[in-house]
Amino acid sequence: MLSKTLTNMRRTPYQAAAAILVLTITFFVADVVGFASISFYQAFKYFETRPQVLIFFKTDAVEDQINAVQQQLKDDTRVSSVTYVPKEQALDIYKDLNKNDPVLLELVTADILPASLEISTFDLPSLKSVASEVQNSPGVDEVALRSDIVDVLNNWLTGIRLGGISFVGLLAATSILIVVIIVGMKISGKQYEIKILELIGASHWYIQGPFLLEGVLYGFFSALLAYIISVTLLLYSTPYIIQFAGEVPLLPTAPLSLILIFTVSVLLGVMIGFSASWIALKRFLKL
């Protein structure tokens, strides 16, 4: 049956190429959406676990004021972590950020930099309430929120999932329709051969099997080809992504993620190809 199916595909190379091309585009877009979703999810979790509230103290704030605010936050059940950054450590951070500009390093000392607290909460809705409560505490100069980037990433992640799934669904429907037409044309062209097979007692599976297998092979080869193309592009773009993202883990490098995308892509390819061939058989073949 496999030999017969491959022979049928070789005899109509342009139809086979058209089916594989359309399916490959569909699965390539699906793979890109999958990789993008994983990347944005990793970035979202990375920024979500970073300090989300920065509390800067006045330069003349005393230790008792800083300790009082720090203890208040530690006792707050909404706060997951509190990190104290003294003036000396703030100076070290400043020097590291401006190590390529000696002029800026000469003008700054630890005395003019504020001590600060880095705060993380268990959930994003608690950020603003925690920040507003400590805003007017003694010794506090400014409270900065970092929730904006998390909200933006969350919106992007939601948009990619909804938009990507909708677009992939549209491409999948188009691919199924094209495979139905191609397999249907082959069935119509073999009506005389099918009649002869019926007369000599061939089973339904013997007659329908090559057409079903042909659709499965279209889906399998398309999914495999699309995955190879998408992973190749990901590998070539890796240096640029690392340069752009820095320490943010945008690359979907986890083996489980890559295996999951490949497995889902191949299974969907087989299902789409089989479904399209089955529809064509029910539409064009009357046994």
C-alpha atoms as a PDB file:
ATOM      1  CA  MET A   1       0.000   0.000   0.000  1.00  0.00           C
ATOM      2  CA  LEU A   2       2.844   2.393   0.827  1.00  0.00           C
ATOM      3  CA  SER A   3       4.528   1.591  -2.486  1.00  0.00           C
ATOM      4  CA  LYS A   4       1.291   2.210  -4.356  1.00  0.00           C
ATOM      5  CA  THR A   5       0.762   5.505  -2.525  1.00  0.00           C
ATOM      6  CA  LEU A   6       4.260   6.758  -3.312  1.00  0.00           C
ATOM      7  CA  THR A   7       3.789   5.740  -6.944  1.00  0.00           C
ATOM      8  CA  ASN A   8       0.557   7.749  -7.124  1.00  0.00           C
ATOM      9  CA  MET A   9       2.329  10.766  -5.651  1.00  0.00           C
ATOM     10  CA  ARG A  10       5.197  10.487  -8.171  1.00  0.00           C
ATOM     11  CA  ARG A  11       2.782  10.276 -11.071  1.00  0.00           C
ATOM     12  CA  THR A  12       1.189  13.599 -10.077  1.00  0.00           C
ATOM     13  CA  PRO A  13       4.183  15.583  -8.797  1.00  0.00           C
ATOM     14  CA  TYR A  14       2.647  19.034  -9.210  1.00  0.00           C
ATOM     15  CA  GLN A  15      -0.443  18.148  -7.203  1.00  0.00           C
ATOM     16  CA  ALA A  16       1.690  16.569  -4.478  1.00  0.00           C
ATOM     17  CA  ALA A  17       3.987  19.610  -4.435  1.00  0.00           C
ATOM     18  CA  ALA A  18       1.005  21.969  -4.150  1.00  0.00           C
ATOM     19  CA  ALA A  19      -0.449  20.032  -1.213  1.00  0.00           C
ATOM     20  CA  ILE A  20       2.883  19.829   0.611  1.00  0.00           C
ATOM     21  CA  LEU A  21       3.646  23.507  -0.039  1.00  0.00           C
ATOM     22  CA  VAL A  22       0.338  24.739   1.372  1.00  0.00           C
ATOM     23  CA  LEU A  23       0.572  22.452   4.398  1.00  0.00           C
ATOM     24  CA  THR A  24       4.201  23.441   4.983  1.00  0.00           C
ATOM     25  CA  ILE A  25       3.253  27.129   5.097  1.00  0.00           C
ATOM     26  CA  THR A  26       0.494  26.314   7.592  1.00  0.00           C
ATOM     27  CA  PHE A  27       2.774  24.353   9.907  1.00  0.00           C
ATOM     28  CA  PHE A  28       5.604  26.858   9.556  1.00  0.00           C
ATOM     29  CA  VAL A  29       3.307  29.620  10.793  1.00  0.00           C
ATOM     30  CA  ALA A  30       2.098  27.308  13.573  1.00  0.00           C
ATOM     31  CA  ASP A  31       5.703  26.569  14.628  1.00  0.00           C
ATOM     32  CA  VAL A  32       6.582  30.264  14.620  1.00  0.00           C
ATOM     33  CA  VAL A  33       3.542  31.022  16.768  1.00  0.00           C
ATOM     34  CA  GLY A  34       4.551  28.222  19.125  1.00  0.00           C
ATOM     35  CA  PHE A  35       8.145  29.449  19.458  1.00  0.00           C
ATOM     36  CA  ALA A  36       6.983  33.058  19.902  1.00  0.00           C
ATOM     37  CA  SER A  37       4.498  32.043  22.601  1.00  0.00           C
ATOM     38  CA  ILE A  38       7.179  30.159  24.507  1.00  0.00           C
ATOM     39  CA  SER A  39       9.617  33.077  24.179  1.00  0.00           C
ATOM     40  CA  PHE A  40       7.148  35.675  25.443  1.00  0.00           C
ATOM     41  CA  TYR A  41       6.028  33.356  28.243  1.00  0.00           C
ATOM     42  CA  GLN A  42       9.634  32.912  29.372  1.00  0.00           C
ATOM     43  CA  ALA A  43      10.195  36.680  29.263  1.00  0.00           C
ATOM     44  CA  PHE A  44       6.926  37.231  31.148  1.00  0.00           C
ATOM     45  CA  LYS A  45       7.925  34.820  33.923  1.00  0.00           C
ATOM     46  CA  TYR A  46      11.422  36.352  34.057  1.00  0.00           C
ATOM     47  CA  PHE A  47      10.164  39.897  34.590  1.00  0.00           C
ATOM     48  CA  GLU A  48       7.399  38.702  36.882  1.00  0.00           C
ATOM     49  CA  THR A  49       9.992  37.264  39.278  1.00  0.00           C
ATOM     50  CA  ARG A  50      12.202  40.379  39.165  1.00  0.00           C
ATOM     51  CA  PRO A  51      11.831  43.145  41.779  1.00  0.00           C
ATOM     52  CA  GLN A  52       8.684  44.966  40.719  1.00  0.00           C
ATOM     53  CA  VAL A  53       8.655  47.852  43.200  1.00  0.00           C
ATOM     54  CA  LEU A  54      11.688  50.030  43.929  1.00  0.00           C
ATOM     55  CA  ILE A  55      11.577  52.172  47.054  1.00  0.00           C
ATOM     56  CA  PHE A  56      14.211  54.935  47.072  1.00  0.00           C
ATOM     57  CA  PHE A  57      14.993  56.605  50.388  1.00  0.00           C
ATOM     58  CA  LYS A  58      16.072  60.164  50.912  1.00  0.00           C
ATOM     59  CA  THR A  59      19.833  60.657  51.133  1.00  0.00           C
ATOM     60  CA  ASP A  60      19.458  61.831  54.732  1.00  0.00           C
ATOM     61  CA  ALA A  61      17.209  58.945  55.792  1.00  0.00           C
ATOM     62  CA  VAL A  62      18.372  57.235  58.993  1.00  0.00           C
ATOM     63  CA  GLU A  63      18.699  53.502  59.556  1.00  0.00           C
ATOM     64  CA  ASP A  64      15.674  53.383  61.853  1.00  0.00           C
ATOM     65  CA  GLN A  65      13.424  54.726  59.108  1.00  0.00           C
ATOM     66  CA  ILE A  66      14.767  52.245  56.566  1.00  0.00           C
ATOM     67  CA  ASN A  67      14.455  49.330  59.007  1.00  0.00           C
ATOM     68  CA  ALA A  68      10.894  50.320  59.868  1.00  0.00           C
ATOM     69  CA  VAL A  69       9.802  50.274  56.210  1.00  0.00           C
ATOM     70  CA  GLN A  70      11.701  47.036  55.572  1.00  0.00           C
ATOM     71  CA  GLN A  71      10.064  45.314  58.536  1.00  0.00           C
ATOM     72  CA  GLN A  72       6.629  46.584  57.505  1.00  0.00           C
ATOM     73  CA  LEU A  73       7.074  45.010  54.079  1.00  0.00           C
ATOM     74  CA  LYS A  74       8.412  41.728  55.466  1.00  0.00           C
ATOM     75  CA  ASP A  75       5.306  41.417  57.612  1.00  0.00           C
ATOM     76  CA  ASP A  76       3.032  42.049  54.627  1.00  0.00           C
ATOM     77  CA  THR A  77       1.578  38.753  53.370  1.00  0.00           C
ATOM     78  CA  ARG A  78       1.305  40.155  49.839  1.00  0.00           C
ATOM     79  CA  VAL A  79       5.095  40.660  49.568  1.00  0.00           C
ATOM     80  CA  SER A  80       7.189  37.694  48.442  1.00  0.00           C
ATOM     81  CA  SER A  81      10.677  39.192  48.861  1.00  0.00           C
ATOM     82  CA  VAL A  82      12.395  42.310  50.182  1.00  0.00           C
ATOM     83  CA  THR A  83      16.003  43.135  49.262  1.00  0.00           C
ATOM     84  CA  TYR A  84      17.887  46.017  50.834  1.00  0.00           C
ATOM     85  CA  VAL A  85      20.375  47.854  48.597  1.00  0.00           C
ATOM     86  CA  PRO A  86      22.635  50.175  50.674  1.00  0.00           C
ATOM     87  CA  LYS A  87      24.384  53.224  49.244  1.00  0.00           C
ATOM     88  CA  GLU A  88      27.677  51.376  48.759  1.00  0.00           C
ATOM     89  CA  GLN A  89      26.020  48.630  46.723  1.00  0.00           C
ATOM     90  CA  ALA A  90      24.125  51.265  44.730  1.00  0.00           C
ATOM     91  CA  LEU A  91      27.478  52.847  43.902  1.00  0.00           C
ATOM     92  CA  ASP A  92      28.824  49.473  42.723  1.00  0.00           C
ATOM     93  CA  ILE A  93      25.782  49.032  40.489  1.00  0.00           C
ATOM     94  CA  TYR A  94      26.226  52.545  39.117  1.00  0.00           C
ATOM     95  CA  LYS A  95      29.908  51.887  38.367  1.00  0.00           C
ATOM     96  CA  ASP A  96      29.073  48.657  36.569  1.00  0.00           C
ATOM     97  CA  LEU A  97      26.450  50.377  34.413  1.00  0.00           C
ATOM     98  CA  ASN A  98      28.774  53.268  33.507  1.00  0.00           C
ATOM     99  CA  LYS A  99      32.121  51.467  33.403  1.00  0.00           C
ATOM    100  CA  ASN A 100      32.755  52.721  29.874  1.00  0.00           C
ATOM    101  CA  ASP A 101      32.334  56.383  30.842  1.00  0.00           C
ATOM    102  CA  PRO A 102      35.096  57.434  33.311  1.00  0.00           C
ATOM    103  CA  VAL A 103      33.804  61.017  33.532  1.00  0.00           C
ATOM    104  CA  LEU A 104      30.528  59.898  35.085  1.00  0.00           C
ATOM    105  CA  LEU A 105      32.366  57.683  37.547  1.00  0.00           C
ATOM    106  CA  GLU A 106      34.467  60.541  38.865  1.00  0.00           C
ATOM    107  CA  LEU A 107      31.446  62.708  39.681  1.00  0.00           C
ATOM    108  CA  VAL A 108      29.476  60.208  41.757  1.00  0.00           C
ATOM    109  CA  THR A 109      30.083  59.000  45.317  1.00  0.00           C
ATOM    110  CA  ALA A 110      28.078  56.750  47.627  1.00  0.00           C
ATOM    111  CA  ASP A 111      26.876  59.738  49.672  1.00  0.00           C
ATOM    112  CA  ILE A 112      24.763  61.193  46.878  1.00  0.00           C
ATOM    113  CA  LEU A 113      23.135  57.866  45.904  1.00  0.00           C
ATOM    114  CA  PRO A 114      19.986  56.733  47.715  1.00  0.00           C
ATOM    115  CA  ALA A 115      19.586  53.478  49.562  1.00  0.00           C
ATOM    116  CA  SER A 116      16.681  51.426  48.245  1.00  0.00           C
ATOM    117  CA  LEU A 117      14.463  48.404  48.757  1.00  0.00           C
ATOM    118  CA  GLU A 118      13.601  45.997  45.943  1.00  0.00           C
ATOM    119  CA  ILE A 119      10.167  44.460  46.430  1.00  0.00           C
ATOM    120  CA  SER A 120       8.398  41.562  44.727  1.00  0.00           C
ATOM    121  CA  THR A 121       4.784  40.577  45.354  1.00  0.00           C
ATOM    122  CA  PHE A 122       3.043  37.250  44.866  1.00  0.00           C
ATOM    123  CA  ASP A 123       0.649  38.704  42.301  1.00  0.00           C
ATOM    124  CA  LEU A 124       0.583  41.753  40.062  1.00  0.00           C
ATOM    125  CA  PRO A 125      -2.643  43.333  41.416  1.00  0.00           C
ATOM    126  CA  SER A 126      -0.945  43.824  44.806  1.00  0.00           C
ATOM    127  CA  LEU A 127       1.806  46.030  43.377  1.00  0.00           C
ATOM    128  CA  LYS A 128      -0.021  49.341  43.364  1.00  0.00           C
ATOM    129  CA  SER A 129      -1.568  48.890  46.799  1.00  0.00           C
ATOM    130  CA  VAL A 130       1.804  48.007  48.375  1.00  0.00           C
ATOM    131  CA  ALA A 131       3.475  50.923  46.620  1.00  0.00           C
ATOM    132  CA  SER A 132       0.825  53.420  47.728  1.00  0.00           C
ATOM    133  CA  GLU A 133       1.025  52.266  51.360  1.00  0.00           C
ATOM    134  CA  VAL A 134       4.764  52.933  51.662  1.00  0.00           C
ATOM    135  CA  GLN A 135       4.779  56.086  49.526  1.00  0.00           C
ATOM    136  CA  ASN A 136       4.287  58.402  52.519  1.00  0.00           C
ATOM    137  CA  SER A 137       6.414  56.472  55.002  1.00  0.00           C
ATOM    138  CA  PRO A 138       9.116  58.475  56.852  1.00  0.00           C
ATOM    139  CA  GLY A 139      12.365  58.642  54.893  1.00  0.00           C
ATOM    140  CA  VAL A 140      10.862  57.452  51.582  1.00  0.00           C
ATOM    141  CA  ASP A 141      11.670  59.714  48.634  1.00  0.00           C
ATOM    142  CA  GLU A 142      10.194  57.872  45.626  1.00  0.00           C
ATOM    143  CA  VAL A 143       8.427  54.627  44.794  1.00  0.00           C
ATOM    144  CA  ALA A 144       8.868  53.258  41.270  1.00  0.00           C
ATOM    145  CA  LEU A 145       6.686  50.544  39.728  1.00  0.00           C
ATOM    146  CA  ARG A 146       8.016  48.091  37.138  1.00  0.00           C
ATOM    147  CA  SER A 147       4.704  46.448  36.355  1.00  0.00           C
ATOM    148  CA  ASP A 148       4.334  48.145  32.965  1.00  0.00           C
ATOM    149  CA  ILE A 149       6.696  45.795  31.134  1.00  0.00           C
ATOM    150  CA  VAL A 150       4.970  42.755  32.660  1.00  0.00           C
ATOM    151  CA  ASP A 151       1.583  44.068  31.524  1.00  0.00           C
ATOM    152  CA  VAL A 152       2.920  44.715  28.021  1.00  0.00           C
ATOM    153  CA  LEU A 153       4.389  41.211  27.782  1.00  0.00           C
ATOM    154  CA  ASN A 154       1.161  39.696  29.051  1.00  0.00           C
ATOM    155  CA  ASN A 155      -0.826  41.604  26.407  1.00  0.00           C
ATOM    156  CA  TRP A 156       1.607  40.518  23.689  1.00  0.00           C
ATOM    157  CA  LEU A 157       1.414  36.906  24.844  1.00  0.00           C
ATOM    158  CA  THR A 158      -2.385  36.972  24.781  1.00  0.00           C
ATOM    159  CA  GLY A 159      -2.407  38.661  21.364  1.00  0.00           C
ATOM    160  CA  ILE A 160       0.031  36.162  19.862  1.00  0.00           C
ATOM    161  CA  ARG A 161      -1.966  33.226  21.141  1.00  0.00           C
ATOM    162  CA  LEU A 162      -5.354  34.490  19.990  1.00  0.00           C
ATOM    163  CA  GLY A 163      -4.170  35.988  16.712  1.00  0.00           C
ATOM    164  CA  GLY A 164      -1.807  33.116  15.960  1.00  0.00           C
ATOM    165  CA  ILE A 165      -4.388  30.434  16.651  1.00  0.00           C
ATOM    166  CA  SER A 166      -6.964  32.247  14.503  1.00  0.00           C
ATOM    167  CA  PHE A 167      -4.537  32.682  11.595  1.00  0.00           C
ATOM    168  CA  VAL A 168      -3.274  29.099  11.827  1.00  0.00           C
ATOM    169  CA  GLY A 169      -6.880  27.896  11.941  1.00  0.00           C
ATOM    170  CA  LEU A 170      -7.644  29.816   8.742  1.00  0.00           C
ATOM    171  CA  LEU A 171      -4.563  28.361   7.021  1.00  0.00           C
ATOM    172  CA  ALA A 172      -5.452  24.872   8.244  1.00  0.00           C
ATOM    173  CA  ALA A 173      -8.966  25.154   6.818  1.00  0.00           C
ATOM    174  CA  THR A 174      -7.526  26.315   3.492  1.00  0.00           C
ATOM    175  CA  SER A 175      -5.016  23.448   3.498  1.00  0.00           C
ATOM    176  CA  ILE A 176      -7.725  20.880   4.193  1.00  0.00           C
ATOM    177  CA  LEU A 177      -9.803  22.245   1.326  1.00  0.00           C
ATOM    178  CA  ILE A 178      -6.852  22.059  -1.093  1.00  0.00           C
ATOM    179  CA  VAL A 179      -5.961  18.497  -0.056  1.00  0.00           C
ATOM    180  CA  VAL A 180      -9.615  17.489  -0.441  1.00  0.00           C
ATOM    181  CA  ILE A 181      -9.614  18.880  -3.984  1.00  0.00           C
ATOM    182  CA  ILE A 182      -6.305  17.208  -4.901  1.00  0.00           C
ATOM    183  CA  VAL A 183      -7.241  13.803  -3.492  1.00  0.00           C
ATOM    184  CA  GLY A 184     -10.722  14.155  -5.003  1.00  0.00           C
ATOM    185  CA  MET A 185      -9.195  14.774  -8.427  1.00  0.00           C
ATOM    186  CA  LYS A 186      -7.114  11.622  -8.076  1.00  0.00           C
ATOM    187  CA  ILE A 187     -10.161   9.614  -7.041  1.00  0.00           C
ATOM    188  CA  SER A 188     -12.115  10.922 -10.018  1.00  0.00           C
ATOM    189  CA  GLY A 189      -9.256  10.025 -12.341  1.00  0.00           C
ATOM    190  CA  LYS A 190      -9.164   6.440 -11.046  1.00  0.00           C
ATOM    191  CA  GLN A 191     -12.886   5.683 -11.167  1.00  0.00           C
ATOM    192  CA  TYR A 192     -12.405   3.048 -13.884  1.00  0.00           C
ATOM    193  CA  GLU A 193      -9.614   1.323 -11.936  1.00  0.00           C
ATOM    194  CA  ILE A 194     -11.710   1.441  -8.749  1.00  0.00           C
ATOM    195  CA  LYS A 195     -14.668  -0.193 -10.533  1.00  0.00           C
ATOM    196  CA  ILE A 196     -12.452  -3.033 -11.702  1.00  0.00           C
ATOM    197  CA  LEU A 197     -11.113  -3.534  -8.153  1.00  0.00           C
ATOM    198  CA  GLU A 198     -14.697  -3.697  -6.891  1.00  0.00           C
ATOM    199  CA  LEU A 199     -15.614  -6.314  -9.480  1.00  0.00           C
ATOM    200  CA  ILE A 200     -12.714  -8.583  -8.550  1.00  0.00           C
ATOM    201  CA  GLY A 201     -13.666  -8.402  -4.890  1.00  0.00           C
ATOM    202  CA  ALA A 202     -11.148  -5.902  -3.469  1.00  0.00           C
ATOM    203  CA  SER A 203     -11.963  -4.746   0.053  1.00  0.00           C
ATOM    204  CA  HIS A 204     -12.914  -1.165   0.853  1.00  0.00           C
ATOM    205  CA  TRP A 205      -9.702  -0.738   2.838  1.00  0.00           C
ATOM    206  CA  TYR A 206      -7.598  -1.927  -0.102  1.00  0.00           C
ATOM    207  CA  ILE A 207      -9.262   0.684  -2.317  1.00  0.00           C
ATOM    208  CA  GLN A 208      -9.403   3.566   0.169  1.00  0.00           C
ATOM    209  CA  GLY A 209      -6.138   2.898   1.988  1.00  0.00           C
ATOM    210  CA  PRO A 210      -3.746   4.481  -0.570  1.00  0.00           C
ATOM    211  CA  PHE A 211      -5.787   7.696  -0.662  1.00  0.00           C
ATOM    212  CA  LEU A 212      -5.895   7.945   3.133  1.00  0.00           C
ATOM    213  CA  LEU A 213      -2.204   7.167   3.380  1.00  0.00           C
ATOM    214  CA  GLU A 214      -1.432   9.802   0.748  1.00  0.00           C
ATOM    215  CA  GLY A 215      -3.105  12.493   2.863  1.00  0.00           C
ATOM    216  CA  VAL A 216      -1.232  11.278   5.951  1.00  0.00           C
ATOM    217  CA  LEU A 217       2.080  11.481   4.092  1.00  0.00           C
ATOM    218  CA  TYR A 218       1.271  15.001   2.903  1.00  0.00           C
ATOM    219  CA  GLY A 219       0.681  16.080   6.482  1.00  0.00           C
ATOM    220  CA  PHE A 220       3.702  14.260   7.898  1.00  0.00           C
ATOM    221  CA  PHE A 221       6.240  15.506   5.345  1.00  0.00           C
ATOM    222  CA  SER A 222       4.843  19.047   5.515  1.00  0.00           C
ATOM    223  CA  ALA A 223       5.034  19.166   9.321  1.00  0.00           C
ATOM    224  CA  LEU A 224       8.569  17.751   9.271  1.00  0.00           C
ATOM    225  CA  LEU A 225       9.737  20.198   6.597  1.00  0.00           C
ATOM    226  CA  ALA A 226       8.133  23.177   8.364  1.00  0.00           C
ATOM    227  CA  TYR A 227       9.779  22.223  11.669  1.00  0.00           C
ATOM    228  CA  ILE A 228      13.207  21.903  10.038  1.00  0.00           C
ATOM    229  CA  ILE A 229      12.821  25.338   8.395  1.00  0.00           C
ATOM    230  CA  SER A 230      11.603  27.032  11.583  1.00  0.00           C
ATOM    231  CA  VAL A 231      14.355  25.515  13.761  1.00  0.00           C
ATOM    232  CA  THR A 232      16.994  26.425  11.155  1.00  0.00           C
ATOM    233  CA  LEU A 233      15.804  30.047  11.134  1.00  0.00           C
ATOM    234  CA  LEU A 234      15.784  30.035  14.940  1.00  0.00           C
ATOM    235  CA  LEU A 235      19.377  28.800  15.046  1.00  0.00           C
ATOM    236  CA  TYR A 236      20.553  31.395  12.539  1.00  0.00           C
ATOM    237  CA  SER A 237      18.785  34.201  14.416  1.00  0.00           C
ATOM    238  CA  THR A 238      20.042  33.082  17.843  1.00  0.00           C
ATOM    239  CA  PRO A 239      23.042  35.507  17.981  1.00  0.00           C
ATOM    240  CA  TYR A 240      20.800  38.464  17.113  1.00  0.00           C
ATOM    241  CA  ILE A 241      18.175  37.427  19.666  1.00  0.00           C
ATOM    242  CA  ILE A 242      20.823  37.078  22.387  1.00  0.00           C
ATOM    243  CA  GLN A 243      22.290  40.465  21.504  1.00  0.00           C
ATOM    244  CA  PHE A 244      18.851  42.082  21.595  1.00  0.00           C
ATOM    245  CA  ALA A 245      17.475  40.366  24.698  1.00  0.00           C
ATOM    246  CA  GLY A 246      20.597  40.300  26.862  1.00  0.00           C
ATOM    247  CA  GLU A 247      19.903  38.300  30.014  1.00  0.00           C
ATOM    248  CA  VAL A 248      16.191  37.962  29.260  1.00  0.00           C
ATOM    249  CA  PRO A 249      15.545  34.291  28.311  1.00  0.00           C
ATOM    250  CA  LEU A 250      13.782  34.771  24.989  1.00  0.00           C
ATOM    251  CA  LEU A 251      15.180  31.679  23.281  1.00  0.00           C
ATOM    252  CA  PRO A 252      13.029  28.525  23.609  1.00  0.00           C
ATOM    253  CA  THR A 253      16.042  26.312  24.308  1.00  0.00           C
ATOM    254  CA  ALA A 254      14.347  23.793  26.628  1.00  0.00           C
ATOM    255  CA  PRO A 255      14.463  20.362  24.920  1.00  0.00           C
ATOM    256  CA  LEU A 256      10.983  19.561  26.197  1.00  0.00           C
ATOM    257  CA  SER A 257       9.568  22.639  24.452  1.00  0.00           C
ATOM    258  CA  LEU A 258      11.216  21.746  21.145  1.00  0.00           C
ATOM    259  CA  ILE A 259      10.062  18.133  21.389  1.00  0.00           C
ATOM    260  CA  LEU A 260       6.536  19.230  22.301  1.00  0.00           C
ATOM    261  CA  ILE A 261       6.248  21.593  19.320  1.00  0.00           C
ATOM    262  CA  PHE A 262       7.593  18.907  16.962  1.00  0.00           C
ATOM    263  CA  THR A 263       5.258  16.229  18.325  1.00  0.00           C
ATOM    264  CA  VAL A 264       2.169  18.428  18.204  1.00  0.00           C
ATOM    265  CA  SER A 265       3.066  19.633  14.698  1.00  0.00           C
ATOM    266  CA  VAL A 266       3.507  16.114  13.330  1.00  0.00           C
ATOM    267  CA  LEU A 267       0.342  14.813  15.000  1.00  0.00           C
ATOM    268  CA  LEU A 268      -1.671  17.735  13.646  1.00  0.00           C
ATOM    269  CA  GLY A 269      -0.154  17.145  10.202  1.00  0.00           C
ATOM    270  CA  VAL A 270      -1.184  13.503  10.221  1.00  0.00           C
ATOM    271  CA  MET A 271      -4.668  14.374  11.493  1.00  0.00           C
ATOM    272  CA  ILE A 272      -5.211  17.118   8.913  1.00  0.00           C
ATOM    273  CA  GLY A 273      -3.979  14.932   6.056  1.00  0.00           C
ATOM    274  CA  PHE A 274      -6.083  11.967   7.151  1.00  0.00           C
ATOM    275  CA  SER A 275      -9.184  14.119   7.685  1.00  0.00           C
ATOM    276  CA  ALA A 276      -8.846  15.788   4.280  1.00  0.00           C
ATOM    277  CA  SER A 277      -8.448  12.427   2.501  1.00  0.00           C
ATOM    278  CA  TRP A 278     -11.390  10.962   4.407  1.00  0.00           C
ATOM    279  CA  ILE A 279     -13.592  13.910   3.395  1.00  0.00           C
ATOM    280  CA  ALA A 280     -12.512  13.479  -0.238  1.00  0.00           C
ATOM    281  CA  LEU A 281     -13.315   9.766  -0.120  1.00  0.00           C
ATOM    282  CA  LYS A 282     -16.788  10.393   1.290  1.00  0.00           C
ATOM    283  CA  ARG A 283     -17.393  13.105  -1.285  1.00  0.00           C
ATOM    284  CA  PHE A 284     -15.996  11.543  -4.460  1.00  0.00           C
ATOM    285  CA  LEU A 285     -15.953   7.782  -3.836  1.00  0.00           C
ATOM    286  CA  LYS A 286     -19.234   5.905  -3.646  1.00  0.00           C
ATOM    287  CA  LEU A 287     -18.677   2.340  -2.510  1.00  0.00           C
END
